[in-house]
PDB file of N, CA and C in Angstrom:
ATOM      1  N   MET A   1      10.454  34.600  -8.194  1.00  0.00           N
ATOM      2  CA  MET A   1      11.397  33.526  -7.977  1.00  0.00           C
ATOM      3  C   MET A   1      10.789  32.234  -8.505  1.00  0.00           C
ATOM      4  N   GLY A   2      11.588  31.415  -9.177  1.00  0.00           N
ATOM      5  CA  GLY A   2      11.112  30.172  -9.753  1.00  0.00           C
ATOM      6  C   GLY A   2      11.365  28.978  -8.859  1.00  0.00           C
ATOM      7  N   ILE A   3      11.124  27.841  -9.412  1.00  0.00           N
ATOM      8  CA  ILE A   3      11.340  26.582  -8.700  1.00  0.00           C
ATOM      9  C   ILE A   3      12.792  26.166  -8.896  1.00  0.00           C
ATOM     10  N   LEU A   4      13.473  25.804  -7.807  1.00  0.00           N
ATOM     11  CA  LEU A   4      14.859  25.376  -7.865  1.00  0.00           C
ATOM     12  C   LEU A   4      14.952  23.872  -7.681  1.00  0.00           C
ATOM     13  N   PHE A   5      15.911  23.252  -8.369  1.00  0.00           N
ATOM     14  CA  PHE A   5      16.158  21.818  -8.236  1.00  0.00           C
ATOM     15  C   PHE A   5      17.577  21.635  -7.738  1.00  0.00           C
ATOM     16  N   ARG A   6      17.727  20.894  -6.642  1.00  0.00           N
ATOM     17  CA  ARG A   6      19.052  20.580  -6.132  1.00  0.00           C
ATOM     18  C   ARG A   6      18.999  19.225  -5.456  1.00  0.00           C
ATOM     19  N   GLN A   7      19.984  18.398  -5.737  1.00  0.00           N
ATOM     20  CA  GLN A   7      20.060  17.076  -5.129  1.00  0.00           C
ATOM     21  C   GLN A   7      21.500  16.831  -4.714  1.00  0.00           C
ATOM     22  N   LYS A   8      21.684  16.198  -3.581  1.00  0.00           N
ATOM     23  CA  LYS A   8      23.004  15.945  -3.027  1.00  0.00           C
ATOM     24  C   LYS A   8      23.134  14.459  -2.741  1.00  0.00           C
ATOM     25  N   LYS A   9      24.138  13.805  -3.347  1.00  0.00           N
ATOM     26  CA  LYS A   9      24.383  12.372  -3.142  1.00  0.00           C
ATOM     27  C   LYS A   9      25.740  12.203  -2.466  1.00  0.00           C
ATOM     28  N   LYS A  10      25.766  11.452  -1.405  1.00  0.00           N
ATOM     29  CA  LYS A  10      27.006  11.213  -0.676  1.00  0.00           C
ATOM     30  C   LYS A  10      27.856  10.179  -1.412  1.00  0.00           C
ATOM     31  N   LEU A  11      29.134  10.513  -1.654  1.00  0.00           N
ATOM     32  CA  LEU A  11      30.054   9.606  -2.333  1.00  0.00           C
ATOM     33  C   LEU A  11      30.961   8.862  -1.357  1.00  0.00           C
ATOM     34  N   GLY A  12      31.343   9.518  -0.297  1.00  0.00           N
ATOM     35  CA  GLY A  12      32.228   8.932   0.709  1.00  0.00           C
ATOM     36  C   GLY A  12      31.970   9.604   2.037  1.00  0.00           C
ATOM     37  N   LYS A  13      32.908   9.441   2.953  1.00  0.00           N
ATOM     38  CA  LYS A  13      32.728  10.016   4.282  1.00  0.00           C
ATOM     39  C   LYS A  13      32.613  11.540   4.232  1.00  0.00           C
ATOM     40  N   ASN A  14      33.445  12.196   3.434  1.00  0.00           N
ATOM     41  CA  ASN A  14      33.461  13.659   3.371  1.00  0.00           C
ATOM     42  C   ASN A  14      33.328  14.185   1.946  1.00  0.00           C
ATOM     43  N   SER A  15      32.671  13.432   1.056  1.00  0.00           N
ATOM     44  CA  SER A  15      32.553  13.844  -0.342  1.00  0.00           C
ATOM     45  C   SER A  15      31.117  13.702  -0.822  1.00  0.00           C
ATOM     46  N   TRP A  16      30.682  14.652  -1.687  1.00  0.00           N
ATOM     47  CA  TRP A  16      29.330  14.655  -2.214  1.00  0.00           C
ATOM     48  C   TRP A  16      29.330  14.975  -3.695  1.00  0.00           C
ATOM     49  N   LEU A  17      28.320  14.504  -4.386  1.00  0.00           N
ATOM     50  CA  LEU A  17      28.032  14.894  -5.755  1.00  0.00           C
ATOM     51  C   LEU A  17      26.776  15.748  -5.687  1.00  0.00           C
ATOM     52  N   ASN A  18      26.879  16.998  -6.136  1.00  0.00           N
ATOM     53  CA  ASN A  18      25.783  17.950  -6.091  1.00  0.00           C
ATOM     54  C   ASN A  18      25.206  18.099  -7.487  1.00  0.00           C
ATOM     55  N   ILE A  19      23.909  17.907  -7.627  1.00  0.00           N
ATOM     56  CA  ILE A  19      23.239  18.011  -8.920  1.00  0.00           C
ATOM     57  C   ILE A  19      22.192  19.114  -8.820  1.00  0.00           C
ATOM     58  N   SER A  20      22.255  20.063  -9.765  1.00  0.00           N
ATOM     59  CA  SER A  20      21.286  21.157  -9.780  1.00  0.00           C
ATOM     60  C   SER A  20      20.887  21.436 -11.225  1.00  0.00           C
ATOM     61  N   GLY A  21      20.030  22.395 -11.406  1.00  0.00           N
ATOM     62  CA  GLY A  21      19.579  22.750 -12.736  1.00  0.00           C
ATOM     63  C   GLY A  21      20.691  23.284 -13.615  1.00  0.00           C
ATOM     64  N   SER A  22      21.754  23.835 -13.021  1.00  0.00           N
ATOM     65  CA  SER A  22      22.863  24.388 -13.795  1.00  0.00           C
ATOM     66  C   SER A  22      23.983  23.381 -14.038  1.00  0.00           C
ATOM     67  N   GLY A  23      23.839  22.144 -13.574  1.00  0.00           N
ATOM     68  CA  GLY A  23      24.844  21.116 -13.809  1.00  0.00           C
ATOM     69  C   GLY A  23      25.211  20.373 -12.544  1.00  0.00           C
ATOM     70  N   ALA A  24      26.309  19.631 -12.625  1.00  0.00           N
ATOM     71  CA  ALA A  24      26.766  18.824 -11.495  1.00  0.00           C
ATOM     72  C   ALA A  24      28.130  19.315 -11.027  1.00  0.00           C
ATOM     73  N   SER A  25      28.408  19.115  -9.746  1.00  0.00           N
ATOM     74  CA  SER A  25      29.706  19.446  -9.183  1.00  0.00           C
ATOM     75  C   SER A  25      29.977  18.489  -8.033  1.00  0.00           C
ATOM     76  N   ALA A  26      31.239  18.433  -7.643  1.00  0.00           N
ATOM     77  CA  ALA A  26      31.638  17.596  -6.512  1.00  0.00           C
ATOM     78  C   ALA A  26      32.162  18.498  -5.411  1.00  0.00           C
ATOM     79  N   SER A  27      31.964  18.087  -4.178  1.00  0.00           N
ATOM     80  CA  SER A  27      32.501  18.846  -3.056  1.00  0.00           C
ATOM     81  C   SER A  27      33.091  17.887  -2.041  1.00  0.00           C
ATOM     82  N   THR A  28      34.095  18.376  -1.327  1.00  0.00           N
ATOM     83  CA  THR A  28      34.733  17.583  -0.295  1.00  0.00           C
ATOM     84  C   THR A  28      35.006  18.474   0.906  1.00  0.00           C
ATOM     85  N   ARG A  29      34.936  17.894   2.088  1.00  0.00           N
ATOM     86  CA  ARG A  29      35.127  18.644   3.319  1.00  0.00           C
ATOM     87  C   ARG A  29      36.387  18.167   4.018  1.00  0.00           C
ATOM     88  N   VAL A  30      37.226  19.129   4.413  1.00  0.00           N
ATOM     89  CA  VAL A  30      38.450  18.845   5.164  1.00  0.00           C
ATOM     90  C   VAL A  30      38.419  19.745   6.392  1.00  0.00           C
ATOM     91  N   GLY A  31      38.073  19.179   7.536  1.00  0.00           N
ATOM     92  CA  GLY A  31      37.934  19.968   8.760  1.00  0.00           C
ATOM     93  C   GLY A  31      36.792  20.969   8.595  1.00  0.00           C
ATOM     94  N   PRO A  32      37.044  22.248   8.889  1.00  0.00           N
ATOM     95  CA  PRO A  32      35.986  23.256   8.762  1.00  0.00           C
ATOM     96  C   PRO A  32      35.867  23.836   7.356  1.00  0.00           C
ATOM     97  N   VAL A  33      36.673  23.327   6.400  1.00  0.00           N
ATOM     98  CA  VAL A  33      36.709  23.879   5.039  1.00  0.00           C
ATOM     99  C   VAL A  33      36.064  22.913   4.061  1.00  0.00           C
ATOM    100  N   THR A  34      35.151  23.422   3.230  1.00  0.00           N
ATOM    101  CA  THR A  34      34.541  22.641   2.160  1.00  0.00           C
ATOM    102  C   THR A  34      34.953  23.249   0.829  1.00  0.00           C
ATOM    103  N   LEU A  35      35.506  22.428  -0.071  1.00  0.00           N
ATOM    104  CA  LEU A  35      35.928  22.866  -1.397  1.00  0.00           C
ATOM    105  C   LEU A  35      34.997  22.271  -2.441  1.00  0.00           C
ATOM    106  N   ASN A  36      34.618  23.079  -3.419  1.00  0.00           N
ATOM    107  CA  ASN A  36      33.715  22.668  -4.478  1.00  0.00           C
ATOM    108  C   ASN A  36      34.482  22.633  -5.793  1.00  0.00           C
ATOM    109  N   SER A  37      34.144  21.708  -6.704  1.00  0.00           N
ATOM    110  CA  SER A  37      34.848  21.591  -7.974  1.00  0.00           C
ATOM    111  C   SER A  37      34.613  22.788  -8.891  1.00  0.00           C
ATOM    112  N   ARG A  38      33.618  23.602  -8.621  1.00  0.00           N
ATOM    113  CA  ARG A  38      33.378  24.816  -9.410  1.00  0.00           C
ATOM    114  C   ARG A  38      34.125  26.027  -8.863  1.00  0.00           C
ATOM    115  N   GLY A  39      34.934  25.815  -7.834  1.00  0.00           N
ATOM    116  CA  GLY A  39      35.746  26.900  -7.305  1.00  0.00           C
ATOM    117  C   GLY A  39      35.226  27.524  -6.033  1.00  0.00           C
ATOM    118  N   GLY A  40      34.220  26.962  -5.425  1.00  0.00           N
ATOM    119  CA  GLY A  40      33.672  27.524  -4.197  1.00  0.00           C
ATOM    120  C   GLY A  40      34.427  27.057  -2.968  1.00  0.00           C
ATOM    121  N   VAL A  41      34.573  27.948  -2.010  1.00  0.00           N
ATOM    122  CA  VAL A  41      35.195  27.633  -0.725  1.00  0.00           C
ATOM    123  C   VAL A  41      34.228  28.067   0.373  1.00  0.00           C
ATOM    124  N   TYR A  42      33.969  27.190   1.310  1.00  0.00           N
ATOM    125  CA  TYR A  42      33.094  27.470   2.440  1.00  0.00           C
ATOM    126  C   TYR A  42      33.864  27.131   3.704  1.00  0.00           C
ATOM    127  N   VAL A  43      33.974  28.091   4.622  1.00  0.00           N
ATOM    128  CA  VAL A  43      34.728  27.884   5.859  1.00  0.00           C
ATOM    129  C   VAL A  43      33.821  28.193   7.043  1.00  0.00           C
ATOM    130  N   ASN A  44      33.693  27.236   7.959  1.00  0.00           N
ATOM    131  CA  ASN A  44      32.958  27.458   9.204  1.00  0.00           C
ATOM    132  C   ASN A  44      33.891  28.114  10.205  1.00  0.00           C
ATOM    133  N   LEU A  45      33.475  29.282  10.709  1.00  0.00           N
ATOM    134  CA  LEU A  45      34.274  30.047  11.655  1.00  0.00           C
ATOM    135  C   LEU A  45      33.652  29.950  13.047  1.00  0.00           C
ATOM    136  N   PRO A  46      34.433  30.258  14.094  1.00  0.00           N
ATOM    137  CA  PRO A  46      33.885  30.222  15.458  1.00  0.00           C
ATOM    138  C   PRO A  46      32.754  31.228  15.628  1.00  0.00           C
ATOM    139  N   GLY A  47      31.866  30.938  16.552  1.00  0.00           N
ATOM    140  CA  GLY A  47      30.769  31.841  16.861  1.00  0.00           C
ATOM    141  C   GLY A  47      29.597  31.731  15.908  1.00  0.00           C
ATOM    142  N   GLY A  48      29.512  30.638  15.161  1.00  0.00           N
ATOM    143  CA  GLY A  48      28.397  30.446  14.247  1.00  0.00           C
ATOM    144  C   GLY A  48      28.521  31.217  12.950  1.00  0.00           C
ATOM    145  N   LEU A  49      29.687  31.794  12.678  1.00  0.00           N
ATOM    146  CA  LEU A  49      29.911  32.537  11.437  1.00  0.00           C
ATOM    147  C   LEU A  49      30.474  31.616  10.368  1.00  0.00           C
ATOM    148  N   HIS A  50      30.363  32.023   9.113  1.00  0.00           N
ATOM    149  CA  HIS A  50      30.962  31.264   8.027  1.00  0.00           C
ATOM    150  C   HIS A  50      31.395  32.213   6.924  1.00  0.00           C
ATOM    151  N   TYR A  51      32.346  31.766   6.121  1.00  0.00           N
ATOM    152  CA  TYR A  51      32.860  32.524   4.986  1.00  0.00           C
ATOM    153  C   TYR A  51      32.595  31.731   3.725  1.00  0.00           C
ATOM    154  N   ARG A  52      32.147  32.403   2.678  1.00  0.00           N
ATOM    155  CA  ARG A  52      31.934  31.762   1.384  1.00  0.00           C
ATOM    156  C   ARG A  52      32.658  32.593   0.343  1.00  0.00           C
ATOM    157  N   GLY A  53      33.521  31.948  -0.450  1.00  0.00           N
ATOM    158  CA  GLY A  53      34.295  32.672  -1.455  1.00  0.00           C
ATOM    159  C   GLY A  53      34.657  31.777  -2.625  1.00  0.00           C
ATOM    160  N   ARG A  54      35.629  32.218  -3.416  1.00  0.00           N
ATOM    161  CA  ARG A  54      36.073  31.489  -4.609  1.00  0.00           C
ATOM    162  C   ARG A  54      37.566  31.210  -4.495  1.00  0.00           C
ATOM    163  N   TRP A  55      38.019  30.063  -5.012  1.00  0.00           N
ATOM    164  CA  TRP A  55      39.445  29.766  -5.035  1.00  0.00           C
ATOM    165  C   TRP A  55      39.996  29.751  -6.448  1.00  0.00           C
ATOM    166  N   LYS A  56      39.173  29.849  -7.442  1.00  0.00           N
ATOM    167  CA  LYS A  56      39.657  29.883  -8.829  1.00  0.00           C
ATOM    168  C   LYS A  56      39.778  31.297  -9.306  1.00  0.00           C
TER     169      LYS A  56
END
């Protein structure tokens, strides 16, 4: 495994700019759902569970 680079900059109350070795993306959170500009969906579920998937 190599060295990973990731940086997260807050843009607003519920928005971030994510910078990594593979490029940049934006994400925003609406309630328990976080949407990423690259098509990622992250949902916090009850009981400490979470779902990660794609919307594109």
